[in-house]
PDB file of N, CA and C in Angstrom:
ATOM      1  N   MET A   1     -82.198 -19.688  46.843  1.00  0.00           N
ATOM      2  CA  MET A   1     -81.499 -18.587  46.942  1.00  0.00           C
ATOM      3  C   MET A   1     -80.552 -18.611  46.045  1.00  0.00           C
ATOM      4  N   TYR A   2     -80.318 -17.488  45.252  1.00  0.00           N
ATOM      5  CA  TYR A   2     -79.400 -17.109  44.328  1.00  0.00           C
ATOM      6  C   TYR A   2     -78.649 -15.854  44.288  1.00  0.00           C
ATOM      7  N   ALA A   3     -77.443 -15.670  43.948  1.00  0.00           N
ATOM      8  CA  ALA A   3     -76.861 -14.132  43.782  1.00  0.00           C
ATOM      9  C   ALA A   3     -76.390 -14.309  42.457  1.00  0.00           C
ATOM     10  N   ILE A   4     -75.983 -13.033  42.338  1.00  0.00           N
ATOM     11  CA  ILE A   4     -75.099 -12.936  40.983  1.00  0.00           C
ATOM     12  C   ILE A   4     -74.243 -12.160  41.444  1.00  0.00           C
ATOM     13  N   ILE A   5     -72.597 -12.222  40.860  1.00  0.00           N
ATOM     14  CA  ILE A   5     -71.499 -11.707  41.401  1.00  0.00           C
ATOM     15  C   ILE A   5     -70.692 -11.238  40.516  1.00  0.00           C
ATOM     16  N   GLU A   6     -69.781 -10.390  40.821  1.00  0.00           N
ATOM     17  CA  GLU A   6     -68.859 -10.040  39.844  1.00  0.00           C
ATOM     18  C   GLU A   6     -67.333 -10.399  40.371  1.00  0.00           C
ATOM     19  N   ALA A   7     -66.714 -10.938  39.597  1.00  0.00           N
ATOM     20  CA  ALA A   7     -65.232 -11.290  39.867  1.00  0.00           C
ATOM     21  C   ALA A   7     -64.581 -11.779  38.621  1.00  0.00           C
ATOM     22  N   CYS A   8     -63.402 -11.288  38.624  1.00  0.00           N
ATOM     23  CA  CYS A   8     -62.160 -11.240  37.368  1.00  0.00           C
ATOM     24  C   CYS A   8     -62.766 -10.626  36.069  1.00  0.00           C
ATOM     25  N   GLY A   9     -63.655  -9.507  36.497  1.00  0.00           N
ATOM     26  CA  GLY A   9     -64.394  -8.624  35.372  1.00  0.00           C
ATOM     27  C   GLY A   9     -65.438  -9.383  34.608  1.00  0.00           C
ATOM     28  N   ARG A  10     -66.005 -10.580  35.472  1.00  0.00           N
ATOM     29  CA  ARG A  10     -67.258 -10.936  34.679  1.00  0.00           C
ATOM     30  C   ARG A  10     -68.162 -11.109  35.924  1.00  0.00           C
ATOM     31  N   GLN A  11     -69.609 -11.464  35.603  1.00  0.00           N
ATOM     32  CA  GLN A  11     -70.624 -11.505  36.277  1.00  0.00           C
ATOM     33  C   GLN A  11     -70.985 -12.719  35.895  1.00  0.00           C
ATOM     34  N   TYR A  12     -71.055 -13.655  37.229  1.00  0.00           N
ATOM     35  CA  TYR A  12     -71.628 -15.223  37.466  1.00  0.00           C
ATOM     36  C   TYR A  12     -72.563 -15.414  38.466  1.00  0.00           C
ATOM     37  N   LYS A  13     -73.773 -16.293  37.629  1.00  0.00           N
ATOM     38  CA  LYS A  13     -74.725 -16.223  38.408  1.00  0.00           C
ATOM     39  C   LYS A  13     -74.491 -17.638  39.658  1.00  0.00           C
ATOM     40  N   VAL A  14     -74.882 -17.596  40.922  1.00  0.00           N
ATOM     41  CA  VAL A  14     -74.127 -18.574  41.713  1.00  0.00           C
ATOM     42  C   VAL A  14     -75.458 -18.791  42.778  1.00  0.00           C
ATOM     43  N   GLU A  15     -75.279 -20.389  42.955  1.00  0.00           N
ATOM     44  CA  GLU A  15     -76.276 -20.916  44.148  1.00  0.00           C
ATOM     45  C   GLU A  15     -75.606 -21.904  44.857  1.00  0.00           C
ATOM     46  N   GLU A  16     -75.663 -21.750  45.892  1.00  0.00           N
ATOM     47  CA  GLU A  16     -74.987 -22.816  47.037  1.00  0.00           C
ATOM     48  C   GLU A  16     -74.590 -24.328  46.452  1.00  0.00           C
ATOM     49  N   LYS A  17     -73.845 -24.650  46.609  1.00  0.00           N
ATOM     50  CA  LYS A  17     -73.185 -26.192  46.501  1.00  0.00           C
ATOM     51  C   LYS A  17     -73.108 -26.050  44.911  1.00  0.00           C
ATOM     52  N   ASP A  18     -72.878 -24.389  44.051  1.00  0.00           N
ATOM     53  CA  ASP A  18     -72.554 -24.614  42.740  1.00  0.00           C
ATOM     54  C   ASP A  18     -71.282 -24.791  42.494  1.00  0.00           C
ATOM     55  N   VAL A  19     -70.505 -25.293  41.388  1.00  0.00           N
ATOM     56  CA  VAL A  19     -69.244 -25.397  41.181  1.00  0.00           C
ATOM     57  C   VAL A  19     -68.959 -24.997  39.933  1.00  0.00           C
ATOM     58  N   VAL A  20     -68.135 -23.433  40.347  1.00  0.00           N
ATOM     59  CA  VAL A  20     -67.980 -22.529  38.920  1.00  0.00           C
ATOM     60  C   VAL A  20     -66.591 -22.411  38.993  1.00  0.00           C
ATOM     61  N   PHE A  21     -66.068 -21.829  37.583  1.00  0.00           N
ATOM     62  CA  PHE A  21     -65.023 -21.982  36.783  1.00  0.00           C
ATOM     63  C   PHE A  21     -64.177 -20.340  36.682  1.00  0.00           C
ATOM     64  N   PHE A  22     -63.565 -19.797  37.571  1.00  0.00           N
ATOM     65  CA  PHE A  22     -63.538 -18.246  37.243  1.00  0.00           C
ATOM     66  C   PHE A  22     -61.707 -18.462  36.610  1.00  0.00           C
ATOM     67  N   GLU A  23     -61.682 -17.221  36.376  1.00  0.00           N
ATOM     68  CA  GLU A  23     -60.312 -17.435  35.741  1.00  0.00           C
ATOM     69  C   GLU A  23     -59.235 -17.262  37.124  1.00  0.00           C
ATOM     70  N   LYS A  24     -58.103 -17.421  36.738  1.00  0.00           N
ATOM     71  CA  LYS A  24     -56.931 -18.167  37.550  1.00  0.00           C
ATOM     72  C   LYS A  24     -56.840 -16.773  38.910  1.00  0.00           C
ATOM     73  N   LEU A  25     -57.133 -17.429  40.232  1.00  0.00           N
ATOM     74  CA  LEU A  25     -57.526 -16.866  41.115  1.00  0.00           C
ATOM     75  C   LEU A  25     -55.880 -17.205  42.190  1.00  0.00           C
ATOM     76  N   ASP A  26     -55.209 -16.144  43.088  1.00  0.00           N
ATOM     77  CA  ASP A  26     -54.566 -15.954  43.545  1.00  0.00           C
ATOM     78  C   ASP A  26     -54.630 -16.645  44.783  1.00  0.00           C
ATOM     79  N   GLU A  27     -55.263 -18.007  45.259  1.00  0.00           N
ATOM     80  CA  GLU A  27     -55.496 -18.715  46.444  1.00  0.00           C
ATOM     81  C   GLU A  27     -55.132 -20.313  46.249  1.00  0.00           C
ATOM     82  N   GLU A  28     -54.444 -20.509  47.315  1.00  0.00           N
ATOM     83  CA  GLU A  28     -54.484 -22.133  47.531  1.00  0.00           C
ATOM     84  C   GLU A  28     -55.364 -23.048  47.310  1.00  0.00           C
ATOM     85  N   GLU A  29     -55.315 -24.507  47.191  1.00  0.00           N
ATOM     86  CA  GLU A  29     -56.476 -25.387  47.131  1.00  0.00           C
ATOM     87  C   GLU A  29     -57.013 -25.570  48.381  1.00  0.00           C
ATOM     88  N   GLY A  30     -58.133 -25.624  48.597  1.00  0.00           N
ATOM     89  CA  GLY A  30     -58.759 -25.723  49.832  1.00  0.00           C
ATOM     90  C   GLY A  30     -58.727 -24.475  50.917  1.00  0.00           C
ATOM     91  N   LYS A  31     -58.421 -23.388  50.467  1.00  0.00           N
ATOM     92  CA  LYS A  31     -58.539 -22.327  51.218  1.00  0.00           C
ATOM     93  C   LYS A  31     -60.280 -21.666  50.867  1.00  0.00           C
ATOM     94  N   LYS A  32     -60.665 -20.832  51.750  1.00  0.00           N
ATOM     95  CA  LYS A  32     -61.909 -20.257  51.359  1.00  0.00           C
ATOM     96  C   LYS A  32     -61.590 -18.945  50.740  1.00  0.00           C
ATOM     97  N   VAL A  33     -62.651 -18.648  49.863  1.00  0.00           N
ATOM     98  CA  VAL A  33     -62.610 -17.308  48.856  1.00  0.00           C
ATOM     99  C   VAL A  33     -64.117 -16.872  49.297  1.00  0.00           C
ATOM    100  N   THR A  34     -63.732 -15.177  49.193  1.00  0.00           N
ATOM    101  CA  THR A  34     -64.938 -14.354  49.900  1.00  0.00           C
ATOM    102  C   THR A  34     -65.340 -13.400  48.805  1.00  0.00           C
ATOM    103  N   PHE A  35     -66.442 -13.256  47.871  1.00  0.00           N
ATOM    104  CA  PHE A  35     -67.029 -12.496  47.252  1.00  0.00           C
ATOM    105  C   PHE A  35     -67.716 -11.603  47.240  1.00  0.00           C
ATOM    106  N   ASP A  36     -67.149 -10.084  47.675  1.00  0.00           N
ATOM    107  CA  ASP A  36     -68.185  -9.220  48.514  1.00  0.00           C
ATOM    108  C   ASP A  36     -68.990  -8.413  47.323  1.00  0.00           C
ATOM    109  N   LYS A  37     -68.612  -8.579  45.608  1.00  0.00           N
ATOM    110  CA  LYS A  37     -69.164  -7.424  44.542  1.00  0.00           C
ATOM    111  C   LYS A  37     -70.557  -8.262  44.674  1.00  0.00           C
ATOM    112  N   VAL A  38     -71.497  -8.147  44.998  1.00  0.00           N
ATOM    113  CA  VAL A  38     -72.574  -9.019  44.656  1.00  0.00           C
ATOM    114  C   VAL A  38     -74.007  -7.608  44.358  1.00  0.00           C
ATOM    115  N   ILE A  39     -74.325  -8.003  43.098  1.00  0.00           N
ATOM    116  CA  ILE A  39     -75.065  -7.175  42.250  1.00  0.00           C
ATOM    117  C   ILE A  39     -76.464  -7.211  42.354  1.00  0.00           C
ATOM    118  N   LEU A  40     -76.680  -8.812  42.957  1.00  0.00           N
ATOM    119  CA  LEU A  40     -78.005  -8.728  42.959  1.00  0.00           C
ATOM    120  C   LEU A  40     -78.304 -10.186  43.628  1.00  0.00           C
ATOM    121  N   VAL A  41     -79.458  -9.983  44.421  1.00  0.00           N
ATOM    122  CA  VAL A  41     -79.810 -11.520  45.620  1.00  0.00           C
ATOM    123  C   VAL A  41     -81.165 -11.669  45.596  1.00  0.00           C
ATOM    124  N   SER A  42     -81.345 -13.397  45.402  1.00  0.00           N
ATOM    125  CA  SER A  42     -82.837 -13.290  45.532  1.00  0.00           C
ATOM    126  C   SER A  42     -82.839 -14.616  46.299  1.00  0.00           C
ATOM    127  N   ASP A  43     -84.042 -14.102  46.963  1.00  0.00           N
ATOM    128  CA  ASP A  43     -84.442 -15.030  47.899  1.00  0.00           C
ATOM    129  C   ASP A  43     -86.075 -15.227  47.862  1.00  0.00           C
ATOM    130  N   ASP A  44     -86.390 -16.418  47.276  1.00  0.00           N
ATOM    131  CA  ASP A  44     -87.864 -16.869  47.685  1.00  0.00           C
ATOM    132  C   ASP A  44     -88.430 -15.709  47.076  1.00  0.00           C
ATOM    133  N   GLY A  45     -88.048 -15.340  45.881  1.00  0.00           N
ATOM    134  CA  GLY A  45     -89.226 -14.197  45.242  1.00  0.00           C
ATOM    135  C   GLY A  45     -88.583 -12.711  45.561  1.00  0.00           C
ATOM    136  N   LYS A  46     -88.420 -12.527  46.527  1.00  0.00           N
ATOM    137  CA  LYS A  46     -87.532 -11.114  47.348  1.00  0.00           C
ATOM    138  C   LYS A  46     -86.260 -10.746  46.521  1.00  0.00           C
ATOM    139  N   VAL A  47     -85.989 -10.028  45.499  1.00  0.00           N
ATOM    140  CA  VAL A  47     -84.979  -9.593  44.641  1.00  0.00           C
ATOM    141  C   VAL A  47     -84.624  -8.431  45.205  1.00  0.00           C
ATOM    142  N   GLN A  48     -83.595  -8.399  45.493  1.00  0.00           N
ATOM    143  CA  GLN A  48     -82.850  -7.377  45.978  1.00  0.00           C
ATOM    144  C   GLN A  48     -81.778  -6.589  44.905  1.00  0.00           C
ATOM    145  N   VAL A  49     -81.650  -5.549  44.106  1.00  0.00           N
ATOM    146  CA  VAL A  49     -80.608  -4.762  43.087  1.00  0.00           C
ATOM    147  C   VAL A  49     -79.932  -4.150  43.759  1.00  0.00           C
ATOM    148  N   GLY A  50     -78.690  -4.192  43.822  1.00  0.00           N
ATOM    149  CA  GLY A  50     -77.769  -3.006  44.153  1.00  0.00           C
ATOM    150  C   GLY A  50     -77.531  -2.459  42.944  1.00  0.00           C
ATOM    151  N   SER A  51     -76.805  -0.741  43.436  1.00  0.00           N
ATOM    152  CA  SER A  51     -76.540   0.251  42.782  1.00  0.00           C
ATOM    153  C   SER A  51     -75.136   0.924  43.148  1.00  0.00           C
ATOM    154  N   PRO A  52     -73.524   0.433  42.474  1.00  0.00           N
ATOM    155  CA  PRO A  52     -73.617  -0.901  41.794  1.00  0.00           C
ATOM    156  C   PRO A  52     -73.843  -2.517  42.632  1.00  0.00           C
ATOM    157  N   TYR A  53     -73.508  -2.326  43.895  1.00  0.00           N
ATOM    158  CA  TYR A  53     -73.482  -3.685  44.574  1.00  0.00           C
ATOM    159  C   TYR A  53     -74.664  -3.616  45.988  1.00  0.00           C
ATOM    160  N   VAL A  54     -74.884  -4.316  46.324  1.00  0.00           N
ATOM    161  CA  VAL A  54     -75.696  -4.516  47.588  1.00  0.00           C
ATOM    162  C   VAL A  54     -74.942  -5.071  48.926  1.00  0.00           C
ATOM    163  N   THR A  55     -74.812  -4.174  50.039  1.00  0.00           N
ATOM    164  CA  THR A  55     -74.107  -4.369  51.017  1.00  0.00           C
ATOM    165  C   THR A  55     -74.898  -5.182  52.206  1.00  0.00           C
ATOM    166  N   GLY A  56     -73.790  -5.470  52.787  1.00  0.00           N
ATOM    167  CA  GLY A  56     -74.485  -6.601  53.733  1.00  0.00           C
ATOM    168  C   GLY A  56     -74.241  -8.176  53.086  1.00  0.00           C
ATOM    169  N   VAL A  57     -73.865  -8.395  52.166  1.00  0.00           N
ATOM    170  CA  VAL A  57     -74.212  -9.585  51.488  1.00  0.00           C
ATOM    171  C   VAL A  57     -72.764  -9.928  50.807  1.00  0.00           C
ATOM    172  N   LYS A  58     -72.511 -11.492  51.354  1.00  0.00           N
ATOM    173  CA  LYS A  58     -71.431 -12.192  50.931  1.00  0.00           C
ATOM    174  C   LYS A  58     -71.356 -13.554  50.559  1.00  0.00           C
ATOM    175  N   VAL A  59     -71.116 -13.776  49.498  1.00  0.00           N
ATOM    176  CA  VAL A  59     -70.703 -15.341  48.971  1.00  0.00           C
ATOM    177  C   VAL A  59     -69.548 -15.568  49.242  1.00  0.00           C
ATOM    178  N   GLU A  60     -69.667 -16.650  50.080  1.00  0.00           N
ATOM    179  CA  GLU A  60     -68.214 -17.495  50.266  1.00  0.00           C
ATOM    180  C   GLU A  60     -67.901 -18.824  49.475  1.00  0.00           C
ATOM    181  N   GLY A  61     -66.942 -19.262  49.132  1.00  0.00           N
ATOM    182  CA  GLY A  61     -66.782 -20.411  48.696  1.00  0.00           C
ATOM    183  C   GLY A  61     -65.251 -20.773  48.927  1.00  0.00           C
ATOM    184  N   LYS A  62     -65.167 -22.297  48.381  1.00  0.00           N
ATOM    185  CA  LYS A  62     -64.067 -22.922  48.846  1.00  0.00           C
ATOM    186  C   LYS A  62     -62.990 -23.386  47.219  1.00  0.00           C
ATOM    187  N   VAL A  63     -61.961 -23.112  47.238  1.00  0.00           N
ATOM    188  CA  VAL A  63     -61.393 -23.497  45.827  1.00  0.00           C
ATOM    189  C   VAL A  63     -60.840 -24.977  46.023  1.00  0.00           C
ATOM    190  N   VAL A  64     -61.409 -25.432  45.278  1.00  0.00           N
ATOM    191  CA  VAL A  64     -61.154 -26.949  44.814  1.00  0.00           C
ATOM    192  C   VAL A  64     -60.211 -27.254  44.359  1.00  0.00           C
ATOM    193  N   SER A  65     -59.686 -27.004  42.919  1.00  0.00           N
ATOM    194  CA  SER A  65     -58.598 -26.876  42.035  1.00  0.00           C
ATOM    195  C   SER A  65     -58.372 -25.894  41.273  1.00  0.00           C
ATOM    196  N   HIS A  66     -56.964 -25.870  40.522  1.00  0.00           N
ATOM    197  CA  HIS A  66     -56.913 -25.240  39.701  1.00  0.00           C
ATOM    198  C   HIS A  66     -56.418 -26.220  38.168  1.00  0.00           C
ATOM    199  N   GLY A  67     -56.154 -25.197  37.032  1.00  0.00           N
ATOM    200  CA  GLY A  67     -56.300 -26.266  35.972  1.00  0.00           C
ATOM    201  C   GLY A  67     -56.108 -25.392  35.071  1.00  0.00           C
ATOM    202  N   LYS A  68     -56.031 -25.804  33.551  1.00  0.00           N
ATOM    203  CA  LYS A  68     -56.024 -25.462  32.474  1.00  0.00           C
ATOM    204  C   LYS A  68     -57.038 -26.024  31.495  1.00  0.00           C
ATOM    205  N   GLY A  69     -57.752 -25.019  30.748  1.00  0.00           N
ATOM    206  CA  GLY A  69     -58.638 -25.195  29.666  1.00  0.00           C
ATOM    207  C   GLY A  69     -58.370 -26.188  28.765  1.00  0.00           C
ATOM    208  N   LYS A  70     -59.436 -26.264  27.489  1.00  0.00           N
ATOM    209  CA  LYS A  70     -58.961 -26.812  26.488  1.00  0.00           C
ATOM    210  C   LYS A  70     -58.197 -25.562  25.820  1.00  0.00           C
ATOM    211  N   LYS A  71     -57.217 -26.477  24.545  1.00  0.00           N
ATOM    212  CA  LYS A  71     -56.450 -25.713  23.636  1.00  0.00           C
ATOM    213  C   LYS A  71     -57.605 -24.972  22.929  1.00  0.00           C
ATOM    214  N   ILE A  72     -57.370 -23.721  22.490  1.00  0.00           N
ATOM    215  CA  ILE A  72     -57.516 -22.630  21.388  1.00  0.00           C
ATOM    216  C   ILE A  72     -56.692 -22.177  20.465  1.00  0.00           C
ATOM    217  N   LEU A  73     -57.040 -22.645  19.054  1.00  0.00           N
ATOM    218  CA  LEU A  73     -56.198 -22.584  17.982  1.00  0.00           C
ATOM    219  C   LEU A  73     -56.502 -21.430  17.393  1.00  0.00           C
ATOM    220  N   VAL A  74     -55.882 -20.226  16.874  1.00  0.00           N
ATOM    221  CA  VAL A  74     -55.655 -19.029  16.436  1.00  0.00           C
ATOM    222  C   VAL A  74     -54.850 -19.276  15.256  1.00  0.00           C
ATOM    223  N   PHE A  75     -55.316 -19.185  14.107  1.00  0.00           N
ATOM    224  CA  PHE A  75     -54.738 -19.048  12.711  1.00  0.00           C
ATOM    225  C   PHE A  75     -54.984 -17.751  11.952  1.00  0.00           C
ATOM    226  N   LYS A  76     -54.014 -17.245  11.849  1.00  0.00           N
ATOM    227  CA  LYS A  76     -53.709 -15.951  10.937  1.00  0.00           C
ATOM    228  C   LYS A  76     -53.208 -16.134   9.530  1.00  0.00           C
ATOM    229  N   TYR A  77     -54.388 -15.553   8.806  1.00  0.00           N
ATOM    230  CA  TYR A  77     -54.076 -16.172   7.225  1.00  0.00           C
ATOM    231  C   TYR A  77     -53.741 -14.757   6.372  1.00  0.00           C
ATOM    232  N   LYS A  78     -52.802 -14.365   5.365  1.00  0.00           N
ATOM    233  CA  LYS A  78     -53.021 -13.536   4.713  1.00  0.00           C
ATOM    234  C   LYS A  78     -53.134 -14.222   2.814  1.00  0.00           C
ATOM    235  N   PRO A  79     -54.059 -13.940   2.378  1.00  0.00           N
ATOM    236  CA  PRO A  79     -54.075 -14.555   1.076  1.00  0.00           C
ATOM    237  C   PRO A  79     -53.016 -13.925   0.165  1.00  0.00           C
ATOM    238  N   LYS A  80     -52.670 -14.480  -0.633  1.00  0.00           N
ATOM    239  CA  LYS A  80     -51.415 -14.158  -1.812  1.00  0.00           C
ATOM    240  C   LYS A  80     -50.465 -13.856  -1.341  1.00  0.00           C
ATOM    241  N   LYS A  81     -50.120 -13.918  -0.107  1.00  0.00           N
ATOM    242  CA  LYS A  81     -48.699 -13.563   0.724  1.00  0.00           C
ATOM    243  C   LYS A  81     -48.005 -14.519   1.035  1.00  0.00           C
ATOM    244  N   ASN A  82     -48.523 -15.965   1.195  1.00  0.00           N
ATOM    245  CA  ASN A  82     -47.962 -17.010   1.775  1.00  0.00           C
ATOM    246  C   ASN A  82     -47.585 -16.840   3.098  1.00  0.00           C
ATOM    247  N   GLU A  83     -48.640 -15.960   4.191  1.00  0.00           N
ATOM    248  CA  GLU A  83     -48.249 -15.894   5.262  1.00  0.00           C
ATOM    249  C   GLU A  83     -49.413 -16.265   6.068  1.00  0.00           C
ATOM    250  N   ARG A  84     -48.867 -17.043   6.995  1.00  0.00           N
ATOM    251  CA  ARG A  84     -49.938 -18.306   7.971  1.00  0.00           C
ATOM    252  C   ARG A  84     -48.819 -18.028   9.027  1.00  0.00           C
ATOM    253  N   LYS A  85     -50.066 -18.187  10.297  1.00  0.00           N
ATOM    254  CA  LYS A  85     -48.891 -17.951  11.408  1.00  0.00           C
ATOM    255  C   LYS A  85     -50.369 -19.144  12.634  1.00  0.00           C
ATOM    256  N   THR A  86     -50.038 -20.098  12.871  1.00  0.00           N
ATOM    257  CA  THR A  86     -51.142 -21.017  14.039  1.00  0.00           C
ATOM    258  C   THR A  86     -50.135 -20.377  15.584  1.00  0.00           C
ATOM    259  N   ARG A  87     -51.241 -20.004  16.306  1.00  0.00           N
ATOM    260  CA  ARG A  87     -50.718 -20.053  17.730  1.00  0.00           C
ATOM    261  C   ARG A  87     -52.005 -20.957  18.563  1.00  0.00           C
ATOM    262  N   GLY A  88     -51.538 -21.128  19.693  1.00  0.00           N
ATOM    263  CA  GLY A  88     -52.563 -21.749  20.797  1.00  0.00           C
ATOM    264  C   GLY A  88     -52.459 -21.294  21.929  1.00  0.00           C
ATOM    265  N   HIS A  89     -53.642 -21.506  22.533  1.00  0.00           N
ATOM    266  CA  HIS A  89     -53.606 -20.819  23.918  1.00  0.00           C
ATOM    267  C   HIS A  89     -54.688 -21.803  24.752  1.00  0.00           C
ATOM    268  N   ARG A  90     -54.082 -21.649  26.379  1.00  0.00           N
ATOM    269  CA  ARG A  90     -54.939 -22.222  27.145  1.00  0.00           C
ATOM    270  C   ARG A  90     -55.106 -21.729  27.957  1.00  0.00           C
ATOM    271  N   GLN A  91     -56.404 -21.321  28.655  1.00  0.00           N
ATOM    272  CA  GLN A  91     -56.860 -20.370  29.784  1.00  0.00           C
ATOM    273  C   GLN A  91     -56.244 -21.154  31.063  1.00  0.00           C
ATOM    274  N   GLU A  92     -55.792 -20.575  31.876  1.00  0.00           N
ATOM    275  CA  GLU A  92     -55.877 -21.190  32.952  1.00  0.00           C
ATOM    276  C   GLU A  92     -57.319 -20.959  34.479  1.00  0.00           C
ATOM    277  N   TYR A  93     -57.789 -21.692  35.143  1.00  0.00           N
ATOM    278  CA  TYR A  93     -58.867 -21.379  35.654  1.00  0.00           C
ATOM    279  C   TYR A  93     -58.891 -21.538  37.195  1.00  0.00           C
ATOM    280  N   THR A  94     -60.004 -21.751  37.766  1.00  0.00           N
ATOM    281  CA  THR A  94     -59.905 -22.064  39.470  1.00  0.00           C
ATOM    282  C   THR A  94     -60.906 -22.526  39.897  1.00  0.00           C
ATOM    283  N   LYS A  95     -61.321 -23.459  39.849  1.00  0.00           N
ATOM    284  CA  LYS A  95     -62.233 -24.246  40.295  1.00  0.00           C
ATOM    285  C   LYS A  95     -63.143 -24.060  41.366  1.00  0.00           C
ATOM    286  N   VAL A  96     -64.309 -23.288  41.871  1.00  0.00           N
ATOM    287  CA  VAL A  96     -64.490 -23.070  43.143  1.00  0.00           C
ATOM    288  C   VAL A  96     -65.908 -23.610  43.135  1.00  0.00           C
ATOM    289  N   GLU A  97     -66.377 -24.021  44.610  1.00  0.00           N
ATOM    290  CA  GLU A  97     -67.390 -24.459  44.854  1.00  0.00           C
ATOM    291  C   GLU A  97     -67.916 -23.707  45.747  1.00  0.00           C
ATOM    292  N   ILE A  98     -69.210 -22.754  45.603  1.00  0.00           N
ATOM    293  CA  ILE A  98     -70.245 -21.982  46.507  1.00  0.00           C
ATOM    294  C   ILE A  98     -70.309 -22.596  47.849  1.00  0.00           C
ATOM    295  N   THR A  99     -70.160 -22.369  49.197  1.00  0.00           N
ATOM    296  CA  THR A  99     -70.470 -22.877  50.118  1.00  0.00           C
ATOM    297  C   THR A  99     -71.613 -22.057  50.870  1.00  0.00           C
ATOM    298  N   SER A 100     -71.633 -20.684  50.599  1.00  0.00           N
ATOM    299  CA  SER A 100     -72.792 -20.162  51.314  1.00  0.00           C
ATOM    300  C   SER A 100     -73.001 -19.061  50.808  1.00  0.00           C
ATOM    301  N   ILE A 101     -74.177 -18.237  50.934  1.00  0.00           N
ATOM    302  CA  ILE A 101     -74.407 -16.774  50.352  1.00  0.00           C
ATOM    303  C   ILE A 101     -74.872 -16.445  51.878  1.00  0.00           C
ATOM    304  N   LYS A 102     -74.623 -15.136  52.586  1.00  0.00           N
ATOM    305  CA  LYS A 102     -74.585 -14.674  53.708  1.00  0.00           C
ATOM    306  C   LYS A 102     -75.667 -13.495  52.902  1.00  0.00           C
ATOM    307  N   ALA A 103     -76.469 -13.241  53.545  1.00  0.00           N
ATOM    308  CA  ALA A 103     -77.740 -11.958  52.953  1.00  0.00           C
ATOM    309  C   ALA A 103     -77.928 -11.694  54.186  1.00  0.00           C
ATOM    310  N   SER A 104     -77.360 -10.809  55.594  1.00  0.00           N
ATOM    311  CA  SER A 104     -77.688 -10.135  56.641  1.00  0.00           C
ATOM    312  C   SER A 104     -77.919  -9.482  56.465  1.00  0.00           C
ATOM    313  N   ALA A 105     -79.229  -8.689  56.438  1.00  0.00           N
ATOM    314  CA  ALA A 105     -79.311  -7.372  56.446  1.00  0.00           C
ATOM    315  C   ALA A 105     -79.108  -6.472  55.296  1.00  0.00           C
ATOM    316  N   ALA A 106     -79.258  -7.420  54.325  1.00  0.00           N
ATOM    317  CA  ALA A 106     -79.041  -6.575  53.084  1.00  0.00           C
ATOM    318  C   ALA A 106     -79.758  -5.481  52.459  1.00  0.00           C
ATOM    319  N   LYS A 107     -78.523  -4.213  51.815  1.00  0.00           N
ATOM    320  CA  LYS A 107     -79.464  -3.084  51.940  1.00  0.00           C
ATOM    321  C   LYS A 107     -78.468  -2.707  50.625  1.00  0.00           C
ATOM    322  N   THR A 108     -79.340  -1.617  49.885  1.00  0.00           N
ATOM    323  CA  THR A 108     -78.630  -1.467  48.846  1.00  0.00           C
ATOM    324  C   THR A 108     -77.646  -0.281  48.907  1.00  0.00           C
ATOM    325  N   GLU A 109     -76.779   0.352  48.058  1.00  0.00           N
ATOM    326  CA  GLU A 109     -76.084   1.607  48.681  1.00  0.00           C
ATOM    327  C   GLU A 109     -76.992   2.750  48.780  1.00  0.00           C
ATOM    328  N   LYS A 110     -78.129   2.930  47.598  1.00  0.00           N
ATOM    329  CA  LYS A 110     -79.146   4.318  47.591  1.00  0.00           C
ATOM    330  C   LYS A 110     -80.113   4.199  49.234  1.00  0.00           C
ATOM    331  N   GLU A 111     -79.969   2.738  49.642  1.00  0.00           N
ATOM    332  CA  GLU A 111     -81.042   2.766  51.225  1.00  0.00           C
ATOM    333  C   GLU A 111     -79.811   3.161  52.089  1.00  0.00           C
ATOM    334  N   THR A 112     -78.609   3.269  51.654  1.00  0.00           N
ATOM    335  CA  THR A 112     -78.033   3.475  53.290  1.00  0.00           C
ATOM    336  C   THR A 112     -77.598   4.827  53.206  1.00  0.00           C
ATOM    337  N   LYS A 113     -78.022   5.141  52.052  1.00  0.00           N
ATOM    338  CA  LYS A 113     -77.290   7.189  52.119  1.00  0.00           C
ATOM    339  C   LYS A 113     -78.476   7.997  52.407  1.00  0.00           C
TER     340      LYS A 113
END
């Protein structure tokens, strides 16, 4: 069973016991996180696609740790002007372990209307 969820402005394909790196979440380490915005659920070949989300499905996870990614160098250069600028950036992330995908009576929003 897998699901596609929307979190932090991006879409992620998750399965149970997966470890996923999200952008920084405001949760403490060891706390549970619930993702309600489920776009697609697949269970043994049965695929349910929401419009935009599938209702009745929740993906639960546990925050493992917080950290920073690798440094990315940004170099700006203008020729013949002696203008050079180097900047660096490290994106903060939250490491989440997916514990369960609960699909109890999952329905798309079109079916409920």
